[in-house]
């Protein structure tokens, strides 16, 4: 589900930007081409890898924020207790 949604969004964004500059007929051509490209095995693999990288990045960001919050809480405790 994620893969199809991301493919659609990428195709839509590319088609919109390029199509808006070229007129409606060219927009439709670009949109259809982008849709076909997004359905290729290569594009699917790139999208899957990108999604995995984003998931790892989000997990790492959550960890960093959690550690930072813990450190900040410890420092606040030290100042209020001392």
Protein backbone atom coordinates (compact mmCIF):
# COMPACT_ATOMS: atom_id res chain seq x y z
CA UNK A 1 0.00 0.00 0.00
CA UNK A 2 2.80 2.42 0.93
CA UNK A 3 4.62 1.66 -2.31
CA UNK A 4 1.62 2.42 -4.51
CA UNK A 5 0.84 5.60 -2.60
CA UNK A 6 4.44 6.84 -2.82
CA UNK A 7 4.63 5.96 -6.52
CA UNK A 8 1.44 7.86 -7.16
CA UNK A 9 2.62 10.92 -5.24
CA UNK A 10 5.98 10.99 -7.02
CA UNK A 11 4.34 10.63 -10.41
CA UNK A 12 1.77 13.25 -9.59
CA UNK A 13 4.37 15.74 -8.37
CA UNK A 14 6.60 15.32 -11.42
CA UNK A 15 3.64 15.49 -13.77
CA UNK A 16 2.21 18.54 -12.10
CA UNK A 17 5.40 20.58 -12.11
CA UNK A 18 6.38 19.76 -15.65
CA UNK A 19 2.84 19.71 -16.98
CA UNK A 20 1.94 23.07 -15.53
CA UNK A 21 4.66 24.61 -17.65
CA UNK A 22 3.79 22.78 -20.86
CA UNK A 23 0.00 22.85 -21.00
CA UNK A 24 -2.71 20.27 -20.41
CA UNK A 25 -1.92 17.92 -23.32
CA UNK A 26 1.76 17.69 -22.45
CA UNK A 27 0.82 17.36 -18.77
CA UNK A 28 -1.23 14.25 -19.55
CA UNK A 29 1.63 12.76 -21.57
CA UNK A 30 4.09 13.39 -18.73
CA UNK A 31 1.67 12.06 -16.11
CA UNK A 32 1.17 8.81 -18.02
CA UNK A 33 4.91 8.42 -18.59
CA UNK A 34 5.67 9.07 -14.90
CA UNK A 35 3.05 6.49 -13.95
CA UNK A 36 4.68 3.89 -16.20
CA UNK A 37 8.13 4.69 -14.83
CA UNK A 38 6.87 4.42 -11.25
CA UNK A 39 5.58 0.92 -12.00
CA UNK A 40 8.94 -0.43 -13.22
CA UNK A 41 10.88 -2.89 -11.08
CA UNK A 42 13.76 -0.42 -10.75
CA UNK A 43 11.48 2.35 -9.49
CA UNK A 44 9.77 -0.03 -7.09
CA UNK A 45 13.13 -1.13 -5.70
CA UNK A 46 14.23 2.48 -5.28
CA UNK A 47 10.97 3.35 -3.57
CA UNK A 48 11.26 0.36 -1.24
CA UNK A 49 14.86 1.22 -0.38
CA UNK A 50 13.92 4.86 0.14
CA UNK A 51 11.10 3.83 2.41
CA UNK A 52 13.41 1.57 4.42
CA UNK A 53 15.98 4.37 4.75
CA UNK A 54 13.25 6.76 5.88
CA UNK A 55 12.02 4.24 8.46
CA UNK A 56 15.56 3.78 9.80
CA UNK A 57 16.07 7.53 9.89
CA UNK A 58 12.83 8.01 11.81
CA UNK A 59 13.81 5.33 14.31
CA UNK A 60 17.24 6.90 14.79
CA UNK A 61 15.72 10.37 15.18
CA UNK A 62 13.36 9.03 17.82
CA UNK A 63 16.29 7.47 19.67
CA UNK A 64 18.34 10.69 19.54
CA UNK A 65 15.43 12.78 20.77
CA UNK A 66 14.72 10.31 23.57
CA UNK A 67 18.36 10.35 24.67
CA UNK A 68 18.42 14.16 24.52
CA UNK A 69 15.26 14.40 26.60
CA UNK A 70 16.72 12.03 29.18
CA UNK A 71 19.94 14.05 29.37
CA UNK A 72 17.98 17.30 29.68
CA UNK A 73 15.81 15.82 32.43
CA UNK A 74 18.91 14.67 34.33
CA UNK A 75 20.45 18.14 34.12
CA UNK A 76 17.24 19.78 35.31
CA UNK A 77 17.06 17.34 38.24
CA UNK A 78 20.68 18.12 39.17
CA UNK A 79 20.03 21.87 39.16
CA UNK A 80 16.79 21.66 41.13
CA UNK A 81 18.21 19.26 43.72
CA UNK A 82 21.48 21.11 44.19
